[in-house]
Amino acid sequence: GPILILILVGCCALTLAELASVYPTAGGQYHWTSILA
């Protein structure tokens, strides 16, 4: 389970890391949604 979760959550973390490197705000996901939608 931890191996599978490393892969799956790892993809989530990589997605978040890319966006955070451009828009580092306390709002995080909802700020990015506002910008990208």
Full PDB file with SEQRES, HELIX, SHEET, SSBOND, CRYST1, ORIGX, SCALE, CONECT and MASTER records, all heavy atoms in Angstrom:
SEQRES   1 A   37  GLY PRO ILE LEU ILE LEU ILE LEU VAL GLY CYS CYS ALA          
SEQRES   2 A   37  LEU THR LEU ALA GLU LEU ALA SER VAL TYR PRO THR ALA          
SEQRES   3 A   37  GLY GLY GLN TYR HIS TRP THR SER ILE LEU ALA                  
HELIX    1 AA1 PRO A    2  ALA A   20  1                                  19    
HELIX    2 AA2 GLN A   29  LEU A   36  1                                   8    
CRYST1    1.000    1.000    1.000  90.00  90.00  90.00 P 1           1          
ORIGX1      1.000000  0.000000  0.000000        0.00000                         
ORIGX2      0.000000  1.000000  0.000000        0.00000                         
ORIGX3      0.000000  0.000000  1.000000        0.00000                         
SCALE1      1.000000  0.000000  0.000000        0.00000                         
SCALE2      0.000000  1.000000  0.000000        0.00000                         
SCALE3      0.000000  0.000000  1.000000        0.00000                         
ATOM      1  N   GLY A   1       0.807  -1.214   0.000  1.00  0.00           N  
ATOM      2  CA  GLY A   1       0.000   0.000   0.000  1.00  0.00           C  
ATOM      3  C   GLY A   1       0.841   1.265   0.000  1.00  0.00           C  
ATOM      4  O   GLY A   1       0.610   2.180  -0.821  1.00  0.00           O  
ATOM      5  N   PRO A   2       1.849   1.387   0.894  1.00  0.00           N  
ATOM      6  CA  PRO A   2       2.688   2.592   0.874  1.00  0.00           C  
ATOM      7  C   PRO A   2       3.415   2.819  -0.442  1.00  0.00           C  
ATOM      8  O   PRO A   2       3.618   3.967  -0.856  1.00  0.00           O  
ATOM      9  CB  PRO A   2       3.679   2.322   2.021  1.00  0.00           C  
ATOM     10  CG  PRO A   2       2.942   1.438   2.960  1.00  0.00           C  
ATOM     11  CD  PRO A   2       2.114   0.549   2.076  1.00  0.00           C  
ATOM     12  N   ILE A   3       3.802   1.734  -1.125  1.00  0.00           N  
ATOM     13  CA  ILE A   3       4.477   1.887  -2.417  1.00  0.00           C  
ATOM     14  C   ILE A   3       3.517   2.472  -3.446  1.00  0.00           C  
ATOM     15  O   ILE A   3       3.851   3.406  -4.187  1.00  0.00           O  
ATOM     16  CB  ILE A   3       5.029   0.530  -2.908  1.00  0.00           C  
ATOM     17  CG1 ILE A   3       6.062  -0.013  -1.919  1.00  0.00           C  
ATOM     18  CG2 ILE A   3       5.630   0.665  -4.303  1.00  0.00           C  
ATOM     19  CD1 ILE A   3       6.553  -1.416  -2.244  1.00  0.00           C  
ATOM     20  N   LEU A   4       2.296   1.910  -3.488  1.00  0.00           N  
ATOM     21  CA  LEU A   4       1.285   2.425  -4.419  1.00  0.00           C  
ATOM     22  C   LEU A   4       0.922   3.871  -4.095  1.00  0.00           C  
ATOM     23  O   LEU A   4       0.809   4.716  -4.999  1.00  0.00           O  
ATOM     24  CB  LEU A   4       0.035   1.533  -4.362  1.00  0.00           C  
ATOM     25  CG  LEU A   4      -1.134   1.944  -5.258  1.00  0.00           C  
ATOM     26  CD1 LEU A   4      -0.721   1.961  -6.724  1.00  0.00           C  
ATOM     27  CD2 LEU A   4      -2.325   1.021  -5.049  1.00  0.00           C  
ATOM     28  N   ILE A   5       0.777   4.160  -2.807  1.00  0.00           N  
ATOM     29  CA  ILE A   5       0.416   5.523  -2.406  1.00  0.00           C  
ATOM     30  C   ILE A   5       1.543   6.498  -2.705  1.00  0.00           C  
ATOM     31  O   ILE A   5       1.297   7.659  -3.066  1.00  0.00           O  
ATOM     32  CB  ILE A   5       0.055   5.562  -0.905  1.00  0.00           C  
ATOM     33  CG1 ILE A   5      -1.269   4.820  -0.660  1.00  0.00           C  
ATOM     34  CG2 ILE A   5      -0.051   6.992  -0.401  1.00  0.00           C  
ATOM     35  CD1 ILE A   5      -2.470   5.443  -1.356  1.00  0.00           C  
ATOM     36  N   LEU A   6       2.797   6.060  -2.585  1.00  0.00           N  
ATOM     37  CA  LEU A   6       3.922   6.926  -2.953  1.00  0.00           C  
ATOM     38  C   LEU A   6       3.786   7.384  -4.402  1.00  0.00           C  
ATOM     39  O   LEU A   6       3.998   8.558  -4.719  1.00  0.00           O  
ATOM     40  CB  LEU A   6       5.241   6.171  -2.771  1.00  0.00           C  
ATOM     41  CG  LEU A   6       6.494   6.872  -3.337  1.00  0.00           C  
ATOM     42  CD1 LEU A   6       6.814   8.127  -2.540  1.00  0.00           C  
ATOM     43  CD2 LEU A   6       7.683   5.920  -3.377  1.00  0.00           C  
ATOM     44  N   ILE A   7       3.421   6.453  -5.287  1.00  0.00           N  
ATOM     45  CA  ILE A   7       3.279   6.791  -6.702  1.00  0.00           C  
ATOM     46  C   ILE A   7       2.096   7.735  -6.922  1.00  0.00           C  
ATOM     47  O   ILE A   7       2.217   8.765  -7.596  1.00  0.00           O  
ATOM     48  CB  ILE A   7       3.106   5.511  -7.540  1.00  0.00           C  
ATOM     49  CG1 ILE A   7       4.366   4.631  -7.432  1.00  0.00           C  
ATOM     50  CG2 ILE A   7       2.815   5.851  -9.002  1.00  0.00           C  
ATOM     51  CD1 ILE A   7       4.197   3.241  -8.026  1.00  0.00           C  
ATOM     52  N   LEU A   8       0.956   7.387  -6.332  1.00  0.00           N  
ATOM     53  CA  LEU A   8      -0.266   8.159  -6.574  1.00  0.00           C  
ATOM     54  C   LEU A   8      -0.209   9.542  -5.922  1.00  0.00           C  
ATOM     55  O   LEU A   8      -0.473  10.564  -6.568  1.00  0.00           O  
ATOM     56  CB  LEU A   8      -1.474   7.379  -6.060  1.00  0.00           C  
ATOM     57  CG  LEU A   8      -1.748   6.038  -6.765  1.00  0.00           C  
ATOM     58  CD1 LEU A   8      -2.889   5.299  -6.088  1.00  0.00           C  
ATOM     59  CD2 LEU A   8      -2.051   6.257  -8.240  1.00  0.00           C  
ATOM     60  N   VAL A   9       0.127   9.580  -4.640  1.00  0.00           N  
ATOM     61  CA  VAL A   9       0.217  10.880  -3.960  1.00  0.00           C  
ATOM     62  C   VAL A   9       1.441  11.646  -4.466  1.00  0.00           C  
ATOM     63  O   VAL A   9       1.442  12.883  -4.486  1.00  0.00           O  
ATOM     64  CB  VAL A   9       0.267  10.695  -2.432  1.00  0.00           C  
ATOM     65  CG1 VAL A   9       0.452  12.043  -1.729  1.00  0.00           C  
ATOM     66  CG2 VAL A   9      -1.013  10.038  -1.935  1.00  0.00           C  
ATOM     67  N   GLY A  10       2.480  10.899  -4.889  1.00  0.00           N  
ATOM     68  CA  GLY A  10       3.639  11.559  -5.475  1.00  0.00           C  
ATOM     69  C   GLY A  10       3.256  12.390  -6.691  1.00  0.00           C  
ATOM     70  O   GLY A  10       3.749  13.508  -6.880  1.00  0.00           O  
ATOM     71  N   CYS A  11       2.357  11.864  -7.513  1.00  0.00           N  
ATOM     72  CA  CYS A  11       1.869  12.625  -8.670  1.00  0.00           C  
ATOM     73  C   CYS A  11       1.117  13.874  -8.224  1.00  0.00           C  
ATOM     74  O   CYS A  11       1.249  14.944  -8.824  1.00  0.00           O  
ATOM     75  CB  CYS A  11       0.979  11.741  -9.533  1.00  0.00           C  
ATOM     76  SG  CYS A  11       1.859  10.406 -10.380  1.00  0.00           S  
ATOM     77  N   CYS A  12       0.328  13.743  -7.165  1.00  0.00           N  
ATOM     78  CA  CYS A  12      -0.382  14.905  -6.618  1.00  0.00           C  
ATOM     79  C   CYS A  12       0.614  15.950  -6.133  1.00  0.00           C  
ATOM     80  O   CYS A  12       0.462  17.155  -6.400  1.00  0.00           O  
ATOM     81  CB  CYS A  12      -1.280  14.481  -5.458  1.00  0.00           C  
ATOM     82  SG  CYS A  12      -2.555  13.279  -5.865  1.00  0.00           S  
ATOM     83  N   ALA A  13       1.657  15.508  -5.395  1.00  0.00           N  
ATOM     84  CA  ALA A  13       2.641  16.432  -4.849  1.00  0.00           C  
ATOM     85  C   ALA A  13       3.420  17.141  -5.955  1.00  0.00           C  
ATOM     86  O   ALA A  13       3.720  18.341  -5.846  1.00  0.00           O  
ATOM     87  CB  ALA A  13       3.591  15.679  -3.921  1.00  0.00           C  
ATOM     88  N   LEU A  14       3.740  16.421  -7.028  1.00  0.00           N  
ATOM     89  CA  LEU A  14       4.448  17.038  -8.150  1.00  0.00           C  
ATOM     90  C   LEU A  14       3.571  18.095  -8.832  1.00  0.00           C  
ATOM     91  O   LEU A  14       4.052  19.165  -9.225  1.00  0.00           O  
ATOM     92  CB  LEU A  14       4.863  15.970  -9.160  1.00  0.00           C  
ATOM     93  CG  LEU A  14       5.996  15.038  -8.707  1.00  0.00           C  
ATOM     94  CD1 LEU A  14       6.116  13.848  -9.659  1.00  0.00           C  
ATOM     95  CD2 LEU A  14       7.314  15.788  -8.629  1.00  0.00           C  
ATOM     96  N   THR A  15       2.291  17.801  -8.951  1.00  0.00           N  
ATOM     97  CA  THR A  15       1.350  18.773  -9.513  1.00  0.00           C  
ATOM     98  C   THR A  15       1.301  20.028  -8.659  1.00  0.00           C  
ATOM     99  O   THR A  15       1.371  21.163  -9.161  1.00  0.00           O  
ATOM    100  CB  THR A  15      -0.058  18.161  -9.619  1.00  0.00           C  
ATOM    101  OG1 THR A  15      -0.035  17.069 -10.539  1.00  0.00           O  
ATOM    102  CG2 THR A  15      -1.081  19.188 -10.082  1.00  0.00           C  
ATOM    103  N   LEU A  16       1.184  19.846  -7.342  1.00  0.00           N  
ATOM    104  CA  LEU A  16       1.130  20.980  -6.423  1.00  0.00           C  
ATOM    105  C   LEU A  16       2.436  21.768  -6.440  1.00  0.00           C  
ATOM    106  O   LEU A  16       2.427  23.010  -6.381  1.00  0.00           O  
ATOM    107  CB  LEU A  16       0.841  20.490  -4.999  1.00  0.00           C  
ATOM    108  CG  LEU A  16      -0.461  19.720  -4.772  1.00  0.00           C  
ATOM    109  CD1 LEU A  16      -0.563  19.268  -3.320  1.00  0.00           C  
ATOM    110  CD2 LEU A  16      -1.676  20.562  -5.151  1.00  0.00           C  
ATOM    111  N   ALA A  17       3.559  21.058  -6.511  1.00  0.00           N  
ATOM    112  CA  ALA A  17       4.860  21.720  -6.464  1.00  0.00           C  
ATOM    113  C   ALA A  17       5.064  22.638  -7.669  1.00  0.00           C  
ATOM    114  O   ALA A  17       5.600  23.751  -7.536  1.00  0.00           O  
ATOM    115  CB  ALA A  17       5.974  20.673  -6.397  1.00  0.00           C  
ATOM    116  N   GLU A  18       4.642  22.188  -8.838  1.00  0.00           N  
ATOM    117  CA  GLU A  18       4.771  23.034 -10.033  1.00  0.00           C  
ATOM    118  C   GLU A  18       3.976  24.323  -9.879  1.00  0.00           C  
ATOM    119  O   GLU A  18       4.468  25.416 -10.168  1.00  0.00           O  
ATOM    120  CB  GLU A  18       4.280  22.268 -11.266  1.00  0.00           C  
ATOM    121  CG  GLU A  18       5.335  21.456 -11.957  1.00  0.00           C  
ATOM    122  CD  GLU A  18       4.999  21.201 -13.420  1.00  0.00           C  
ATOM    123  OE1 GLU A  18       3.907  20.692 -13.700  1.00  0.00           O  
ATOM    124  OE2 GLU A  18       5.850  21.510 -14.271  1.00  0.00           O  
ATOM    125  N   LEU A  19       2.747  24.203  -9.441  1.00  0.00           N  
ATOM    126  CA  LEU A  19       1.905  25.384  -9.288  1.00  0.00           C  
ATOM    127  C   LEU A  19       2.403  26.284  -8.158  1.00  0.00           C  
ATOM    128  O   LEU A  19       2.367  27.515  -8.260  1.00  0.00           O  
ATOM    129  CB  LEU A  19       0.458  24.950  -9.037  1.00  0.00           C  
ATOM    130  CG  LEU A  19      -0.266  24.402 -10.275  1.00  0.00           C  
ATOM    131  CD1 LEU A  19      -1.526  23.637  -9.891  1.00  0.00           C  
ATOM    132  CD2 LEU A  19      -0.608  25.538 -11.243  1.00  0.00           C  
ATOM    133  N   ALA A  20       2.889  25.682  -7.074  1.00  0.00           N  
ATOM    134  CA  ALA A  20       3.387  26.472  -5.953  1.00  0.00           C  
ATOM    135  C   ALA A  20       4.633  27.252  -6.325  1.00  0.00           C  
ATOM    136  O   ALA A  20       4.901  28.321  -5.766  1.00  0.00           O  
ATOM    137  CB  ALA A  20       3.682  25.565  -4.756  1.00  0.00           C  
ATOM    138  N   SER A  21       5.411  26.749  -7.267  1.00  0.00           N  
ATOM    139  CA  SER A  21       6.614  27.459  -7.690  1.00  0.00           C  
ATOM    140  C   SER A  21       6.288  28.713  -8.497  1.00  0.00           C  
ATOM    141  O   SER A  21       7.139  29.582  -8.677  1.00  0.00           O  
ATOM    142  CB  SER A  21       7.507  26.531  -8.522  1.00  0.00           C  
ATOM    143  OG  SER A  21       6.918  26.242  -9.779  1.00  0.00           O  
ATOM    144  N   VAL A  22       5.049  28.811  -8.968  1.00  0.00           N  
ATOM    145  CA  VAL A  22       4.618  29.978  -9.738  1.00  0.00           C  
ATOM    146  C   VAL A  22       3.711  30.891  -8.913  1.00  0.00           C  
ATOM    147  O   VAL A  22       3.840  32.115  -8.941  1.00  0.00           O  
ATOM    148  CB  VAL A  22       3.869  29.545 -11.019  1.00  0.00           C  
ATOM    149  CG1 VAL A  22       3.492  30.769 -11.859  1.00  0.00           C  
ATOM    150  CG2 VAL A  22       4.713  28.586 -11.829  1.00  0.00           C  
ATOM    151  N   TYR A  23       2.792  30.275  -8.143  1.00  0.00           N  
ATOM    152  CA  TYR A  23       1.814  31.044  -7.365  1.00  0.00           C  
ATOM    153  C   TYR A  23       1.853  30.615  -5.896  1.00  0.00           C  
ATOM    154  O   TYR A  23       0.962  29.892  -5.431  1.00  0.00           O  
ATOM    155  CB  TYR A  23       0.400  30.831  -7.911  1.00  0.00           C  
ATOM    156  CG  TYR A  23       0.274  30.956  -9.410  1.00  0.00           C  
ATOM    157  CD1 TYR A  23       0.087  29.826 -10.214  1.00  0.00           C  
ATOM    158  CD2 TYR A  23       0.344  32.196 -10.033  1.00  0.00           C  
ATOM    159  CE1 TYR A  23      -0.035  29.926 -11.584  1.00  0.00           C  
ATOM    160  CE2 TYR A  23       0.222  32.308 -11.417  1.00  0.00           C  
ATOM    161  CZ  TYR A  23       0.033  31.175 -12.182  1.00  0.00           C  
ATOM    162  OH  TYR A  23      -0.078  31.287 -13.546  1.00  0.00           O  
ATOM    163  N   PRO A  24       2.883  30.999  -5.141  1.00  0.00           N  
ATOM    164  CA  PRO A  24       2.953  30.591  -3.731  1.00  0.00           C  
ATOM    165  C   PRO A  24       2.117  31.504  -2.841  1.00  0.00           C  
ATOM    166  O   PRO A  24       2.604  32.516  -2.331  1.00  0.00           O  
ATOM    167  CB  PRO A  24       4.449  30.709  -3.415  1.00  0.00           C  
ATOM    168  CG  PRO A  24       4.935  31.798  -4.323  1.00  0.00           C  
ATOM    169  CD  PRO A  24       4.090  31.739  -5.566  1.00  0.00           C  
ATOM    170  N   THR A  25       0.858  31.176  -2.668  1.00  0.00           N  
ATOM    171  CA  THR A  25      -0.024  31.960  -1.805  1.00  0.00           C  
ATOM    172  C   THR A  25      -0.672  31.032  -0.779  1.00  0.00           C  
ATOM    173  O   THR A  25      -0.757  29.816  -0.971  1.00  0.00           O  
ATOM    174  CB  THR A  25      -1.146  32.646  -2.613  1.00  0.00           C  
ATOM    175  OG1 THR A  25      -2.106  31.663  -3.026  1.00  0.00           O  
ATOM    176  CG2 THR A  25      -0.589  33.361  -3.832  1.00  0.00           C  
ATOM    177  N   ALA A  26      -1.159  31.624   0.317  1.00  0.00           N  
ATOM    178  CA  ALA A  26      -1.781  30.829   1.375  1.00  0.00           C  
ATOM    179  C   ALA A  26      -3.040  30.126   0.896  1.00  0.00           C  
ATOM    180  O   ALA A  26      -3.432  29.100   1.449  1.00  0.00           O  
ATOM    181  CB  ALA A  26      -2.110  31.725   2.578  1.00  0.00           C  
ATOM    182  N   GLY A  27      -3.666  30.659  -0.146  1.00  0.00           N  
ATOM    183  CA  GLY A  27      -4.885  30.039  -0.665  1.00  0.00           C  
ATOM    184  C   GLY A  27      -4.623  28.728  -1.382  1.00  0.00           C  
ATOM    185  O   GLY A  27      -5.514  27.881  -1.478  1.00  0.00           O  
ATOM    186  N   GLY A  28      -3.428  28.567  -1.918  1.00  0.00           N  
ATOM    187  CA  GLY A  28      -3.082  27.315  -2.567  1.00  0.00           C  
ATOM    188  C   GLY A  28      -4.052  26.923  -3.669  1.00  0.00           C  
ATOM    189  O   GLY A  28      -4.260  27.665  -4.638  1.00  0.00           O  
ATOM    190  N   GLN A  29      -4.683  25.762  -3.501  1.00  0.00           N  
ATOM    191  CA  GLN A  29      -5.487  25.171  -4.565  1.00  0.00           C  
ATOM    192  C   GLN A  29      -6.614  26.074  -5.048  1.00  0.00           C  
ATOM    193  O   GLN A  29      -6.888  26.130  -6.249  1.00  0.00           O  
ATOM    194  CB  GLN A  29      -6.083  23.835  -4.095  1.00  0.00           C  
ATOM    195  CG  GLN A  29      -5.055  22.770  -3.782  1.00  0.00           C  
ATOM    196  CD  GLN A  29      -4.697  22.709  -2.316  1.00  0.00           C  
ATOM    197  OE1 GLN A  29      -4.248  23.686  -1.735  1.00  0.00           O  
ATOM    198  NE2 GLN A  29      -4.913  21.550  -1.686  1.00  0.00           N  
ATOM    199  N   TYR A  30      -7.285  26.782  -4.135  1.00  0.00           N  
ATOM    200  CA  TYR A  30      -8.431  27.567  -4.608  1.00  0.00           C  
ATOM    201  C   TYR A  30      -7.974  28.839  -5.321  1.00  0.00           C  
ATOM    202  O   TYR A  30      -8.668  29.342  -6.217  1.00  0.00           O  
ATOM    203  CB  TYR A  30      -9.416  27.848  -3.463  1.00  0.00           C  
ATOM    204  CG  TYR A  30      -9.155  29.077  -2.634  1.00  0.00           C  
ATOM    205  CD1 TYR A  30      -9.676  30.315  -2.992  1.00  0.00           C  
ATOM    206  CD2 TYR A  30      -8.433  29.011  -1.446  1.00  0.00           C  
ATOM    207  CE1 TYR A  30      -9.464  31.447  -2.219  1.00  0.00           C  
ATOM    208  CE2 TYR A  30      -8.221  30.116  -0.661  1.00  0.00           C  
ATOM    209  CZ  TYR A  30      -8.732  31.339  -1.045  1.00  0.00           C  
ATOM    210  OH  TYR A  30      -8.521  32.454  -0.262  1.00  0.00           O  
ATOM    211  N   HIS A  31      -6.815  29.368  -4.957  1.00  0.00           N  
ATOM    212  CA  HIS A  31      -6.267  30.497  -5.707  1.00  0.00           C  
ATOM    213  C   HIS A  31      -5.878  30.062  -7.113  1.00  0.00           C  
ATOM    214  O   HIS A  31      -6.131  30.767  -8.095  1.00  0.00           O  
ATOM    215  CB  HIS A  31      -5.048  31.070  -4.981  1.00  0.00           C  
ATOM    216  CG  HIS A  31      -5.403  32.125  -3.982  1.00  0.00           C  
ATOM    217  ND1 HIS A  31      -4.476  32.705  -3.138  1.00  0.00           N  
ATOM    218  CD2 HIS A  31      -6.578  32.718  -3.674  1.00  0.00           C  
ATOM    219  CE1 HIS A  31      -5.071  33.593  -2.358  1.00  0.00           C  
ATOM    220  NE2 HIS A  31      -6.347  33.607  -2.665  1.00  0.00           N  
ATOM    221  N   TRP A  32      -5.265  28.885  -7.235  1.00  0.00           N  
ATOM    222  CA  TRP A  32      -4.885  28.392  -8.552  1.00  0.00           C  
ATOM    223  C   TRP A  32      -6.122  28.127  -9.405  1.00  0.00           C  
ATOM    224  O   TRP A  32      -6.116  28.368 -10.612  1.00  0.00           O  
ATOM    225  CB  TRP A  32      -4.067  27.115  -8.419  1.00  0.00           C  
ATOM    226  CG  TRP A  32      -2.870  27.258  -7.536  1.00  0.00           C  
ATOM    227  CD1 TRP A  32      -2.206  28.424  -7.233  1.00  0.00           C  
ATOM    228  CD2 TRP A  32      -2.190  26.220  -6.833  1.00  0.00           C  
ATOM    229  NE1 TRP A  32      -1.166  28.160  -6.381  1.00  0.00           N  
ATOM    230  CE2 TRP A  32      -1.117  26.826  -6.112  1.00  0.00           C  
ATOM    231  CE3 TRP A  32      -2.364  24.846  -6.737  1.00  0.00           C  
ATOM    232  CZ2 TRP A  32      -0.245  26.093  -5.319  1.00  0.00           C  
ATOM    233  CZ3 TRP A  32      -1.497  24.114  -5.950  1.00  0.00           C  
ATOM    234  CH2 TRP A  32      -0.445  24.728  -5.254  1.00  0.00           C  
ATOM    235  N   THR A  33      -7.165  27.620  -8.763  1.00  0.00           N  
ATOM    236  CA  THR A  33      -8.415  27.378  -9.492  1.00  0.00           C  
ATOM    237  C   THR A  33      -8.986  28.693 -10.016  1.00  0.00           C  
ATOM    238  O   THR A  33      -9.444  28.777 -11.164  1.00  0.00           O  
ATOM    239  CB  THR A  33      -9.440  26.690  -8.578  1.00  0.00           C  
ATOM    240  OG1 THR A  33      -8.919  25.428  -8.153  1.00  0.00           O  
ATOM    241  CG2 THR A  33     -10.765  26.477  -9.297  1.00  0.00           C  
ATOM    242  N   SER A  34      -8.941  29.735  -9.194  1.00  0.00           N  
ATOM    243  CA  SER A  34      -9.437  31.043  -9.610  1.00  0.00           C  
ATOM    244  C   SER A  34      -8.647  31.581 -10.793  1.00  0.00           C  
ATOM    245  O   SER A  34      -9.210  32.171 -11.720  1.00  0.00           O  
ATOM    246  CB  SER A  34      -9.350  32.022  -8.433  1.00  0.00           C  
ATOM    247  OG  SER A  34      -9.791  33.313  -8.805  1.00  0.00           O  
ATOM    248  N   ILE A  35      -7.344  31.355 -10.772  1.00  0.00           N  
ATOM    249  CA  ILE A  35      -6.479  31.857 -11.836  1.00  0.00           C  
ATOM    250  C   ILE A  35      -6.674  31.081 -13.131  1.00  0.00           C  
ATOM    251  O   ILE A  35      -6.729  31.662 -14.222  1.00  0.00           O  
ATOM    252  CB  ILE A  35      -5.002  31.775 -11.384  1.00  0.00           C  
ATOM    253  CG1 ILE A  35      -4.743  32.748 -10.231  1.00  0.00           C  
ATOM    254  CG2 ILE A  35      -4.052  32.071 -12.545  1.00  0.00           C  
ATOM    255  CD1 ILE A  35      -3.451  32.484  -9.484  1.00  0.00           C  
ATOM    256  N   LEU A  36      -6.793  29.761 -13.032  1.00  0.00           N  
ATOM    257  CA  LEU A  36      -6.803  28.898 -14.221  1.00  0.00           C  
ATOM    258  C   LEU A  36      -8.186  28.703 -14.837  1.00  0.00           C  
ATOM    259  O   LEU A  36      -8.294  28.369 -16.017  1.00  0.00           O  
ATOM    260  CB  LEU A  36      -6.225  27.523 -13.857  1.00  0.00           C  
ATOM    261  CG  LEU A  36      -4.749  27.489 -13.446  1.00  0.00           C  
ATOM    262  CD1 LEU A  36      -4.396  26.123 -12.863  1.00  0.00           C  
ATOM    263  CD2 LEU A  36      -3.849  27.811 -14.622  1.00  0.00           C  
ATOM    264  N   ALA A  37      -9.243  28.866 -14.055  1.00  0.00           N  
ATOM    265  CA  ALA A  37     -10.597  28.588 -14.548  1.00  0.00           C  
ATOM    266  C   ALA A  37     -11.047  29.644 -15.552  1.00  0.00           C  
ATOM    267  O   ALA A  37     -10.597  30.794 -15.506  1.00  0.00           O  
ATOM    268  CB  ALA A  37     -11.570  28.542 -13.372  1.00  0.00           C  
TER     269      ALA A  37                                                      
MASTER        0    0    0    2    0    0    0    6  268    1    0    3          
END                                                                             
